[in-house]
Amino acid sequence: MATTLEFPVLLRMIDERASAFRAVVASAPSLAVPVPTCPEWTLRDLVRHLGEVHRRWAATVAAGPADTRPTPAAPIVPQDREALLAWSAESTEQLLGALRDSGPDRGCWTWWGGSQSPQTCGAVARHQVQEAAVHTYDAQITVGSPEPLPPQAALDGVDEFLSTCCSGPDAWPHEPCVVDYEATEGRSWRLTLTADGTSASPLPTPGEAPTAADATMKGTAGDLVLALYARIPVTSLKTEGDGRIFDRLLAWDPDA
């Protein structure tokens, strides 16, 4: 896949998105309001989730190379808004501190061992940018003020999702196909799905693929990321070809 963002940039973006997330939560009229993009979760649940994610990955990164994920003790999560936001900020700092101490090249356990993304702390940082960016969008839409994903995070996010979440040795259970994703910012990617596994690769420029795709999705990089994470419907973007492929991708669970 394409060259990823430098490690200090990834750390800065995690910090920025997590801070933006907390600012939205601080402005919400209630933490009991449901999150439209995360069914059955309230805003309080969303804060707890992101904080727990940060703490689990902090422990995973700190543990270094491992065959299994460490299991830290369950955190005590405050209920009061001010205390909860302080707990959230501490969770983010635990993650950032562990990443700073490890550096980008140190190995660690990851759930994407069979994908095109490496099992390194740098890859963890890259994925955590997307975790924070998408959940910030979740919080924003909950309070009625959704904003586009930051362009830099969004462009890297399409590449990161395809290489981490879509590539690997698992057999595609349908007819082999090729799917292109084209960002209006001028980058594009190809996902190839076969019985022998799936792979992702960058394309030279949108619309200049060596062979025609079976389906194509076009939009801003931010909208592509949100569609990949099922935050917005595929129908809200421009698509061409066999639209059933996108439904199959969203429903596909390689581990099932």
C-alpha atoms as a PDB file:
ATOM      1  CA  MET A   1       0.000   0.000   0.000  1.00  0.00           C
ATOM      2  CA  ALA A   2       0.985   3.665  -0.068  1.00  0.00           C
ATOM      3  CA  THR A   3       3.593   5.116   2.270  1.00  0.00           C
ATOM      4  CA  THR A   4       1.946   5.837   5.608  1.00  0.00           C
ATOM      5  CA  LEU A   5       2.131   9.024   7.613  1.00  0.00           C
ATOM      6  CA  GLU A   6       5.165   9.552   9.815  1.00  0.00           C
ATOM      7  CA  PHE A   7       4.896   8.312  13.384  1.00  0.00           C
ATOM      8  CA  PRO A   8       4.924  11.756  15.078  1.00  0.00           C
ATOM      9  CA  VAL A   9       2.113  12.847  12.745  1.00  0.00           C
ATOM     10  CA  LEU A  10       0.048   9.796  13.731  1.00  0.00           C
ATOM     11  CA  LEU A  11       0.530  10.554  17.428  1.00  0.00           C
ATOM     12  CA  ARG A  12      -0.458  14.169  16.896  1.00  0.00           C
ATOM     13  CA  MET A  13      -3.585  13.135  15.023  1.00  0.00           C
ATOM     14  CA  ILE A  14      -4.631  10.683  17.756  1.00  0.00           C
ATOM     15  CA  ASP A  15      -4.263  13.471  20.287  1.00  0.00           C
ATOM     16  CA  GLU A  16      -6.150  15.987  18.143  1.00  0.00           C
ATOM     17  CA  ARG A  17      -9.063  13.666  17.354  1.00  0.00           C
ATOM     18  CA  ALA A  18      -9.362  12.482  20.955  1.00  0.00           C
ATOM     19  CA  SER A  19      -9.380  16.101  22.143  1.00  0.00           C
ATOM     20  CA  ALA A  20     -12.046  16.957  19.570  1.00  0.00           C
ATOM     21  CA  PHE A  21     -14.042  13.948  20.772  1.00  0.00           C
ATOM     22  CA  ARG A  22     -13.980  15.171  24.370  1.00  0.00           C
ATOM     23  CA  ALA A  23     -14.928  18.697  23.320  1.00  0.00           C
ATOM     24  CA  VAL A  24     -18.063  17.347  21.659  1.00  0.00           C
ATOM     25  CA  VAL A  25     -18.937  15.269  24.719  1.00  0.00           C
ATOM     26  CA  ALA A  26     -18.442  18.299  26.952  1.00  0.00           C
ATOM     27  CA  SER A  27     -20.938  20.253  24.836  1.00  0.00           C
ATOM     28  CA  ALA A  28     -23.652  17.592  24.827  1.00  0.00           C
ATOM     29  CA  PRO A  29     -26.839  18.348  26.774  1.00  0.00           C
ATOM     30  CA  SER A  30     -26.802  14.826  28.237  1.00  0.00           C
ATOM     31  CA  LEU A  31     -24.585  11.769  28.204  1.00  0.00           C
ATOM     32  CA  ALA A  32     -27.693   9.574  28.090  1.00  0.00           C
ATOM     33  CA  VAL A  33     -28.517  10.559  24.510  1.00  0.00           C
ATOM     34  CA  PRO A  34     -28.371   7.607  22.078  1.00  0.00           C
ATOM     35  CA  VAL A  35     -25.650   7.485  19.411  1.00  0.00           C
ATOM     36  CA  PRO A  36     -27.342   7.105  15.986  1.00  0.00           C
ATOM     37  CA  THR A  37     -24.335   5.418  14.371  1.00  0.00           C
ATOM     38  CA  CYS A  38     -23.741   2.958  17.240  1.00  0.00           C
ATOM     39  CA  PRO A  39     -27.073   1.261  17.978  1.00  0.00           C
ATOM     40  CA  GLU A  40     -27.816   0.597  21.654  1.00  0.00           C
ATOM     41  CA  TRP A  41     -25.018   2.907  22.824  1.00  0.00           C
ATOM     42  CA  THR A  42     -25.417   6.190  24.624  1.00  0.00           C
ATOM     43  CA  LEU A  43     -22.852   8.971  24.499  1.00  0.00           C
ATOM     44  CA  ARG A  44     -21.579   7.796  27.889  1.00  0.00           C
ATOM     45  CA  ASP A  45     -21.104   4.297  26.444  1.00  0.00           C
ATOM     46  CA  LEU A  46     -19.138   5.799  23.547  1.00  0.00           C
ATOM     47  CA  VAL A  47     -16.786   7.637  25.924  1.00  0.00           C
ATOM     48  CA  ARG A  48     -16.256   4.475  27.928  1.00  0.00           C
ATOM     49  CA  HIS A  49     -15.600   2.455  24.769  1.00  0.00           C
ATOM     50  CA  LEU A  50     -12.948   4.788  23.364  1.00  0.00           C
ATOM     51  CA  GLY A  51     -11.241   5.100  26.740  1.00  0.00           C
ATOM     52  CA  GLU A  52     -11.133   1.341  27.181  1.00  0.00           C
ATOM     53  CA  VAL A  53      -9.775   0.928  23.646  1.00  0.00           C
ATOM     54  CA  HIS A  54      -6.976   3.386  24.411  1.00  0.00           C
ATOM     55  CA  ARG A  55      -6.095   1.597  27.654  1.00  0.00           C
ATOM     56  CA  ARG A  56      -6.136  -1.878  26.106  1.00  0.00           C
ATOM     57  CA  TRP A  57      -3.888  -0.814  23.241  1.00  0.00           C
ATOM     58  CA  ALA A  58      -1.587   1.014  25.664  1.00  0.00           C
ATOM     59  CA  ALA A  59      -1.116  -2.256  27.550  1.00  0.00           C
ATOM     60  CA  THR A  60      -0.681  -4.192  24.290  1.00  0.00           C
ATOM     61  CA  VAL A  61       1.958  -1.811  22.967  1.00  0.00           C
ATOM     62  CA  ALA A  62       3.782  -1.754  26.302  1.00  0.00           C
ATOM     63  CA  ALA A  63       3.913  -5.573  26.345  1.00  0.00           C
ATOM     64  CA  GLY A  64       5.875  -5.668  23.079  1.00  0.00           C
ATOM     65  CA  PRO A  65       6.006  -8.715  20.812  1.00  0.00           C
ATOM     66  CA  ALA A  66       3.551 -11.382  21.990  1.00  0.00           C
ATOM     67  CA  ASP A  67       1.486 -14.265  20.680  1.00  0.00           C
ATOM     68  CA  THR A  68      -1.561 -13.270  22.718  1.00  0.00           C
ATOM     69  CA  ARG A  69      -3.041  -9.999  23.800  1.00  0.00           C
ATOM     70  CA  PRO A  70      -2.461  -8.943  27.430  1.00  0.00           C
ATOM     71  CA  THR A  71      -5.568  -8.697  29.586  1.00  0.00           C
ATOM     72  CA  PRO A  72      -5.328  -5.641  31.832  1.00  0.00           C
ATOM     73  CA  ALA A  73      -7.687  -5.299  34.769  1.00  0.00           C
ATOM     74  CA  ALA A  74     -11.057  -3.767  33.969  1.00  0.00           C
ATOM     75  CA  PRO A  75     -10.891  -0.019  34.618  1.00  0.00           C
ATOM     76  CA  ILE A  76     -13.151   1.789  37.048  1.00  0.00           C
ATOM     77  CA  VAL A  77     -15.031   4.260  34.869  1.00  0.00           C
ATOM     78  CA  PRO A  78     -16.485   7.385  36.526  1.00  0.00           C
ATOM     79  CA  GLN A  79     -20.095   8.373  35.833  1.00  0.00           C
ATOM     80  CA  ASP A  80     -19.846  12.114  36.496  1.00  0.00           C
ATOM     81  CA  ARG A  81     -19.211  13.999  33.250  1.00  0.00           C
ATOM     82  CA  GLU A  82     -16.213  15.995  34.458  1.00  0.00           C
ATOM     83  CA  ALA A  83     -14.562  12.950  36.006  1.00  0.00           C
ATOM     84  CA  LEU A  84     -15.386  10.839  32.941  1.00  0.00           C
ATOM     85  CA  LEU A  85     -13.733  13.351  30.619  1.00  0.00           C
ATOM     86  CA  ALA A  86     -10.649  13.439  32.858  1.00  0.00           C
ATOM     87  CA  TRP A  87     -10.577   9.621  32.750  1.00  0.00           C
ATOM     88  CA  SER A  88     -10.865   9.765  28.953  1.00  0.00           C
ATOM     89  CA  ALA A  89      -7.950  12.205  28.704  1.00  0.00           C
ATOM     90  CA  GLU A  90      -5.855   9.966  30.961  1.00  0.00           C
ATOM     91  CA  SER A  91      -6.724   6.977  28.747  1.00  0.00           C
ATOM     92  CA  THR A  92      -5.502   8.799  25.646  1.00  0.00           C
ATOM     93  CA  GLU A  93      -2.291   9.810  27.366  1.00  0.00           C
ATOM     94  CA  GLN A  94      -1.660   6.207  28.407  1.00  0.00           C
ATOM     95  CA  LEU A  95      -1.907   5.183  24.752  1.00  0.00           C
ATOM     96  CA  LEU A  96       0.268   8.037  23.511  1.00  0.00           C
ATOM     97  CA  GLY A  97       2.839   7.432  26.242  1.00  0.00           C
ATOM     98  CA  ALA A  98       3.103   3.742  25.396  1.00  0.00           C
ATOM     99  CA  LEU A  99       3.473   4.529  21.699  1.00  0.00           C
ATOM    100  CA  ARG A 100       6.126   7.177  22.328  1.00  0.00           C
ATOM    101  CA  ASP A 101       8.106   4.756  24.508  1.00  0.00           C
ATOM    102  CA  SER A 102       7.871   1.940  21.963  1.00  0.00           C
ATOM    103  CA  GLY A 103       8.566   3.790  18.726  1.00  0.00           C
ATOM    104  CA  PRO A 104       7.008   2.770  15.410  1.00  0.00           C
ATOM    105  CA  ASP A 105       9.050  -0.328  14.565  1.00  0.00           C
ATOM    106  CA  ARG A 106       8.658  -2.381  17.721  1.00  0.00           C
ATOM    107  CA  GLY A 107       6.496  -5.460  17.284  1.00  0.00           C
ATOM    108  CA  CYS A 108       3.353  -6.134  19.298  1.00  0.00           C
ATOM    109  CA  TRP A 109       0.256  -8.312  19.191  1.00  0.00           C
ATOM    110  CA  THR A 110      -2.436  -7.174  16.754  1.00  0.00           C
ATOM    111  CA  TRP A 111      -5.673  -8.736  15.570  1.00  0.00           C
ATOM    112  CA  TRP A 112      -4.707  -8.130  11.926  1.00  0.00           C
ATOM    113  CA  GLY A 113      -1.843 -10.614  11.782  1.00  0.00           C
ATOM    114  CA  GLY A 114      -2.821 -12.009   8.385  1.00  0.00           C
ATOM    115  CA  SER A 115      -3.375  -8.674   6.692  1.00  0.00           C
ATOM    116  CA  GLN A 116      -1.102  -6.386   4.684  1.00  0.00           C
ATOM    117  CA  SER A 117      -0.570  -4.188   7.744  1.00  0.00           C
ATOM    118  CA  PRO A 118       2.470  -5.060   9.887  1.00  0.00           C
ATOM    119  CA  GLN A 119       2.208  -6.153  13.500  1.00  0.00           C
ATOM    120  CA  THR A 120       4.035  -3.104  14.800  1.00  0.00           C
ATOM    121  CA  CYS A 121       3.364  -0.233  17.169  1.00  0.00           C
ATOM    122  CA  GLY A 122       3.397   2.116  14.182  1.00  0.00           C
ATOM    123  CA  ALA A 123       0.516   0.179  12.624  1.00  0.00           C
ATOM    124  CA  VAL A 124      -1.341   0.378  15.951  1.00  0.00           C
ATOM    125  CA  ALA A 125      -0.915   4.152  15.947  1.00  0.00           C
ATOM    126  CA  ARG A 126      -2.168   4.329  12.385  1.00  0.00           C
ATOM    127  CA  HIS A 127      -5.296   2.329  13.226  1.00  0.00           C
ATOM    128  CA  GLN A 128      -5.927   4.360  16.364  1.00  0.00           C
ATOM    129  CA  VAL A 129      -6.076   7.551  14.314  1.00  0.00           C
ATOM    130  CA  GLN A 130      -9.065   6.029  12.545  1.00  0.00           C
ATOM    131  CA  GLU A 131     -10.604   4.779  15.791  1.00  0.00           C
ATOM    132  CA  ALA A 132     -10.508   8.287  17.232  1.00  0.00           C
ATOM    133  CA  ALA A 133     -11.588   9.990  13.994  1.00  0.00           C
ATOM    134  CA  VAL A 134     -14.622   7.785  13.398  1.00  0.00           C
ATOM    135  CA  HIS A 135     -15.760   7.924  17.021  1.00  0.00           C
ATOM    136  CA  THR A 136     -15.393  11.695  16.983  1.00  0.00           C
ATOM    137  CA  TYR A 137     -17.802  11.668  14.043  1.00  0.00           C
ATOM    138  CA  ASP A 138     -20.127   9.420  16.103  1.00  0.00           C
ATOM    139  CA  ALA A 139     -20.093  11.961  18.925  1.00  0.00           C
ATOM    140  CA  GLN A 140     -20.604  14.878  16.546  1.00  0.00           C
ATOM    141  CA  ILE A 141     -23.605  13.358  14.823  1.00  0.00           C
ATOM    142  CA  THR A 142     -25.075  12.550  18.235  1.00  0.00           C
ATOM    143  CA  VAL A 143     -25.153  16.229  19.181  1.00  0.00           C
ATOM    144  CA  GLY A 144     -26.257  17.278  15.694  1.00  0.00           C
ATOM    145  CA  SER A 145     -23.005  18.798  14.443  1.00  0.00           C
ATOM    146  CA  PRO A 146     -21.243  16.260  12.195  1.00  0.00           C
ATOM    147  CA  GLU A 147     -18.082  17.532  10.516  1.00  0.00           C
ATOM    148  CA  PRO A 148     -16.010  16.061   7.664  1.00  0.00           C
ATOM    149  CA  LEU A 149     -13.095  13.907   8.742  1.00  0.00           C
ATOM    150  CA  PRO A 150      -9.785  15.807   8.570  1.00  0.00           C
ATOM    151  CA  PRO A 151      -8.449  15.325   5.010  1.00  0.00           C
ATOM    152  CA  GLN A 152      -5.074  13.918   6.054  1.00  0.00           C
ATOM    153  CA  ALA A 153      -6.658  11.364   8.372  1.00  0.00           C
ATOM    154  CA  ALA A 154      -9.304  10.485   5.803  1.00  0.00           C
ATOM    155  CA  LEU A 155      -6.883   9.814   2.933  1.00  0.00           C
ATOM    156  CA  ASP A 156      -4.742   7.610   5.128  1.00  0.00           C
ATOM    157  CA  GLY A 157      -7.917   6.067   6.522  1.00  0.00           C
ATOM    158  CA  VAL A 158      -9.081   4.573   3.235  1.00  0.00           C
ATOM    159  CA  ASP A 159      -5.656   3.024   2.675  1.00  0.00           C
ATOM    160  CA  GLU A 160      -5.460   1.813   6.276  1.00  0.00           C
ATOM    161  CA  PHE A 161      -8.923   0.239   6.270  1.00  0.00           C
ATOM    162  CA  LEU A 162      -8.364  -1.658   3.037  1.00  0.00           C
ATOM    163  CA  SER A 163      -4.909  -2.940   4.031  1.00  0.00           C
ATOM    164  CA  THR A 164      -5.859  -3.786   7.628  1.00  0.00           C
ATOM    165  CA  CYS A 165      -9.511  -4.785   7.595  1.00  0.00           C
ATOM    166  CA  CYS A 166     -10.011  -6.114   4.067  1.00  0.00           C
ATOM    167  CA  SER A 167      -6.796  -7.850   3.028  1.00  0.00           C
ATOM    168  CA  GLY A 168      -5.759 -11.326   4.087  1.00  0.00           C
ATOM    169  CA  PRO A 169      -5.849 -15.048   3.350  1.00  0.00           C
ATOM    170  CA  ASP A 170      -9.548 -15.605   4.071  1.00  0.00           C
ATOM    171  CA  ALA A 171     -11.504 -16.873   1.084  1.00  0.00           C
ATOM    172  CA  TRP A 172     -14.033 -14.497  -0.455  1.00  0.00           C
ATOM    173  CA  PRO A 173     -17.261 -16.596  -0.371  1.00  0.00           C
ATOM    174  CA  HIS A 174     -18.716 -15.129  -3.550  1.00  0.00           C
ATOM    175  CA  GLU A 175     -17.689 -14.832  -7.176  1.00  0.00           C
ATOM    176  CA  PRO A 176     -14.193 -13.299  -7.539  1.00  0.00           C
ATOM    177  CA  CYS A 177     -14.402  -9.564  -8.068  1.00  0.00           C
ATOM    178  CA  VAL A 178     -12.475  -6.312  -8.151  1.00  0.00           C
ATOM    179  CA  VAL A 179     -13.623  -3.162  -6.346  1.00  0.00           C
ATOM    180  CA  ASP A 180     -12.169   0.316  -6.834  1.00  0.00           C
ATOM    181  CA  TYR A 181     -12.394   3.206  -4.367  1.00  0.00           C
ATOM    182  CA  GLU A 182     -11.800   6.660  -5.839  1.00  0.00           C
ATOM    183  CA  ALA A 183     -11.311   9.750  -3.668  1.00  0.00           C
ATOM    184  CA  THR A 184     -12.094  13.135  -5.135  1.00  0.00           C
ATOM    185  CA  GLU A 185      -8.800  14.333  -3.639  1.00  0.00           C
ATOM    186  CA  GLY A 186      -6.979  12.403  -6.361  1.00  0.00           C
ATOM    187  CA  ARG A 187      -6.127   9.004  -4.916  1.00  0.00           C
ATOM    188  CA  SER A 188      -7.645   5.611  -5.642  1.00  0.00           C
ATOM    189  CA  TRP A 189      -7.335   2.025  -4.452  1.00  0.00           C
ATOM    190  CA  ARG A 190      -8.217  -1.428  -5.723  1.00  0.00           C
ATOM    191  CA  LEU A 191      -9.503  -4.333  -3.638  1.00  0.00           C
ATOM    192  CA  THR A 192      -9.255  -7.784  -5.222  1.00  0.00           C
ATOM    193  CA  LEU A 193     -11.382 -10.550  -3.699  1.00  0.00           C
ATOM    194  CA  THR A 194     -10.890 -14.231  -4.597  1.00  0.00           C
ATOM    195  CA  ALA A 195     -11.184 -17.702  -3.125  1.00  0.00           C
ATOM    196  CA  ASP A 196      -7.447 -17.494  -2.377  1.00  0.00           C
ATOM    197  CA  GLY A 197      -7.804 -14.374  -0.267  1.00  0.00           C
ATOM    198  CA  THR A 198      -8.081 -10.622  -0.645  1.00  0.00           C
ATOM    199  CA  SER A 199      -5.535  -7.921  -1.386  1.00  0.00           C
ATOM    200  CA  ALA A 200      -5.498  -4.139  -1.663  1.00  0.00           C
ATOM    201  CA  SER A 201      -3.263  -1.873  -3.707  1.00  0.00           C
ATOM    202  CA  PRO A 202      -3.104   1.791  -4.722  1.00  0.00           C
ATOM    203  CA  LEU A 203      -4.014   2.732  -8.275  1.00  0.00           C
ATOM    204  CA  PRO A 204      -2.081   5.370 -10.260  1.00  0.00           C
ATOM    205  CA  THR A 205      -4.948   7.852 -10.585  1.00  0.00           C
ATOM    206  CA  PRO A 206      -8.738   7.636 -10.368  1.00  0.00           C
ATOM    207  CA  GLY A 207     -10.224   6.180 -13.542  1.00  0.00           C
ATOM    208  CA  GLU A 208      -6.904   4.801 -14.841  1.00  0.00           C
ATOM    209  CA  ALA A 209      -7.041   1.195 -13.633  1.00  0.00           C
ATOM    210  CA  PRO A 210      -5.363  -1.459 -15.796  1.00  0.00           C
ATOM    211  CA  THR A 211      -8.651  -3.363 -16.052  1.00  0.00           C
ATOM    212  CA  ALA A 212     -12.240  -2.397 -15.354  1.00  0.00           C
ATOM    213  CA  ALA A 213     -13.560  -2.983 -11.834  1.00  0.00           C
ATOM    214  CA  ASP A 214     -16.728  -4.924 -11.077  1.00  0.00           C
ATOM    215  CA  ALA A 215     -17.827  -2.098  -8.794  1.00  0.00           C
ATOM    216  CA  THR A 216     -16.545   1.390  -8.009  1.00  0.00           C
ATOM    217  CA  MET A 217     -17.246   3.768  -5.131  1.00  0.00           C
ATOM    218  CA  LYS A 218     -16.446   7.470  -5.520  1.00  0.00           C
ATOM    219  CA  GLY A 219     -16.508  10.324  -3.041  1.00  0.00           C
ATOM    220  CA  THR A 220     -14.375  12.373  -0.706  1.00  0.00           C
ATOM    221  CA  ALA A 221     -11.862  10.356   1.271  1.00  0.00           C
ATOM    222  CA  GLY A 222     -13.806  11.201   4.419  1.00  0.00           C
ATOM    223  CA  ASP A 223     -17.043   9.855   3.000  1.00  0.00           C
ATOM    224  CA  LEU A 224     -15.269   6.730   1.767  1.00  0.00           C
ATOM    225  CA  VAL A 225     -13.978   6.078   5.294  1.00  0.00           C
ATOM    226  CA  LEU A 226     -17.412   6.634   6.814  1.00  0.00           C
ATOM    227  CA  ALA A 227     -18.986   4.285   4.273  1.00  0.00           C
ATOM    228  CA  LEU A 228     -16.333   1.635   4.916  1.00  0.00           C
ATOM    229  CA  TYR A 229     -17.081   1.846   8.634  1.00  0.00           C
ATOM    230  CA  ALA A 230     -20.846   1.749   7.909  1.00  0.00           C
ATOM    231  CA  ARG A 231     -21.396   5.230   9.328  1.00  0.00           C
ATOM    232  CA  ILE A 232     -23.103   6.481   6.186  1.00  0.00           C
ATOM    233  CA  PRO A 233     -24.959   4.425   3.553  1.00  0.00           C
ATOM    234  CA  VAL A 234     -23.156   3.382   0.407  1.00  0.00           C
ATOM    235  CA  THR A 235     -26.038   4.959  -1.516  1.00  0.00           C
ATOM    236  CA  SER A 236     -24.923   8.400  -0.312  1.00  0.00           C
ATOM    237  CA  LEU A 237     -21.811   8.083  -2.498  1.00  0.00           C
ATOM    238  CA  LYS A 238     -21.519   7.664  -6.242  1.00  0.00           C
ATOM    239  CA  THR A 239     -21.258   4.018  -7.205  1.00  0.00           C
ATOM    240  CA  GLU A 240     -20.887   2.187 -10.490  1.00  0.00           C
ATOM    241  CA  GLY A 241     -21.144  -1.479 -11.427  1.00  0.00           C
ATOM    242  CA  ASP A 242     -22.571  -4.269  -9.282  1.00  0.00           C
ATOM    243  CA  GLY A 243     -23.802  -2.607  -6.095  1.00  0.00           C
ATOM    244  CA  ARG A 244     -24.486  -5.965  -4.463  1.00  0.00           C
ATOM    245  CA  ILE A 245     -20.751  -6.323  -3.896  1.00  0.00           C
ATOM    246  CA  PHE A 246     -20.774  -3.465  -1.381  1.00  0.00           C
ATOM    247  CA  ASP A 247     -23.616  -5.121   0.555  1.00  0.00           C
ATOM    248  CA  ARG A 248     -21.667  -8.379   0.597  1.00  0.00           C
ATOM    249  CA  LEU A 249     -18.533  -6.630   1.823  1.00  0.00           C
ATOM    250  CA  LEU A 250     -20.414  -5.001   4.701  1.00  0.00           C
ATOM    251  CA  ALA A 251     -21.983  -8.333   5.668  1.00  0.00           C
ATOM    252  CA  TRP A 252     -18.795 -10.384   5.307  1.00  0.00           C
ATOM    253  CA  ASP A 253     -17.248 -11.717   8.511  1.00  0.00           C
ATOM    254  CA  PRO A 254     -14.127 -13.751   7.618  1.00  0.00           C
ATOM    255  CA  ASP A 255     -13.912 -15.131  11.180  1.00  0.00           C
ATOM    256  CA  ALA A 256     -17.467 -16.449  11.237  1.00  0.00           C
END
